[in-house]
Amino acid sequence: MVTAADIRVIAERWKRATRPLKIHEQNYGYRLVTMLEQYNGEEIRRFDDPLEAAAFIVSIGMLKELERQE
C-alpha cells in the first residue's frame, strides 16, 4: 500500500533530479513535481508500487492540463 509519504519521497527525488537539467527543461521537471505535491487523493493506496502511483498521478495531471487547453 502506497502512502502520501511515499509520494513525497518521490517528489523530493524528482526535484533533486530536475536541478541538473538544462534551464529550458527544468520547468517540465518542476511541473511534474508540483503535480505530485498537490495530489492528496486516497486512490494511491490501491497501488503497491510508489513509482507506479507517481506515474498514475502525473498522467492524470497531464491529461487535466491537456483538457484545460482545449
Protein backbone atom coordinates (compact mmCIF):
# COMPACT_ATOMS: atom_id res chain seq x y z
CA MET A 1 0.00 0.00 0.00
CA VAL A 2 1.41 3.36 -1.08
CA THR A 3 1.11 6.30 1.30
CA ALA A 4 1.30 10.05 0.87
CA ALA A 5 4.76 9.91 2.50
CA ASP A 6 5.94 7.59 -0.29
CA ILE A 7 4.78 10.12 -2.87
CA ARG A 8 6.53 12.95 -1.03
CA VAL A 9 9.79 10.95 -1.14
CA ILE A 10 9.47 10.50 -4.89
CA ALA A 11 8.60 14.19 -5.33
CA GLU A 12 11.76 15.19 -3.45
CA ARG A 13 13.87 12.77 -5.50
CA TRP A 14 12.39 14.12 -8.74
CA LYS A 15 13.00 17.68 -7.54
CA ARG A 16 16.69 16.91 -6.99
CA ALA A 17 16.87 15.18 -10.38
CA THR A 18 15.40 18.27 -12.07
CA ARG A 19 18.11 20.65 -10.90
CA PRO A 20 20.89 19.39 -13.22
CA LEU A 21 18.62 19.55 -16.28
CA LYS A 22 19.12 22.29 -18.84
CA ILE A 23 17.35 25.52 -17.91
CA HIS A 24 14.64 25.15 -20.55
CA GLU A 25 13.91 21.58 -19.37
CA GLN A 26 13.79 22.32 -15.64
CA ASN A 27 10.32 23.80 -15.95
CA TYR A 28 8.97 20.44 -17.09
CA GLY A 29 10.55 18.62 -14.18
CA TYR A 30 9.17 21.11 -11.69
CA ARG A 31 5.70 20.82 -13.22
CA LEU A 32 5.78 17.06 -12.64
CA VAL A 33 6.95 17.57 -9.08
CA THR A 34 4.15 20.06 -8.49
CA MET A 35 1.60 17.53 -9.71
CA LEU A 36 2.88 15.04 -7.15
CA GLU A 37 2.99 17.60 -4.35
CA GLN A 38 -0.56 18.80 -4.98
CA TYR A 39 -2.11 15.35 -5.15
CA ASN A 40 -3.99 14.41 -1.99
CA GLY A 41 -6.29 11.60 -3.10
CA GLU A 42 -6.67 8.32 -1.30
CA GLU A 43 -6.74 6.30 -4.53
CA ILE A 44 -2.98 5.76 -4.35
CA ARG A 45 -3.48 3.28 -1.52
CA ARG A 46 -4.65 0.80 -4.14
CA PHE A 47 -1.11 0.65 -5.54
CA ASP A 48 1.73 -1.45 -4.17
CA ASP A 49 4.49 0.35 -6.06
CA PRO A 50 5.17 4.03 -5.24
CA LEU A 51 6.64 4.69 -8.69
CA GLU A 52 3.54 3.28 -10.36
CA ALA A 53 1.38 5.51 -8.17
CA ALA A 54 3.51 8.54 -9.05
CA ALA A 55 3.23 7.76 -12.77
CA PHE A 56 -0.55 7.46 -12.37
CA ILE A 57 -0.77 10.82 -10.59
CA VAL A 58 1.39 12.58 -13.18
CA SER A 59 -0.55 11.01 -16.06
CA ILE A 60 -3.82 12.29 -14.63
CA GLY A 61 -2.28 15.73 -14.12
CA MET A 62 -1.05 15.86 -17.71
CA LEU A 63 -4.46 14.84 -19.03
CA LYS A 64 -6.11 17.55 -16.95
CA GLU A 65 -3.72 20.14 -18.39
CA LEU A 66 -4.44 18.99 -21.93
CA GLU A 67 -8.17 19.15 -21.29
CA ARG A 68 -7.89 22.71 -19.96
CA GLN A 69 -6.04 23.77 -23.11
CA GLU A 70 -8.82 22.52 -25.38
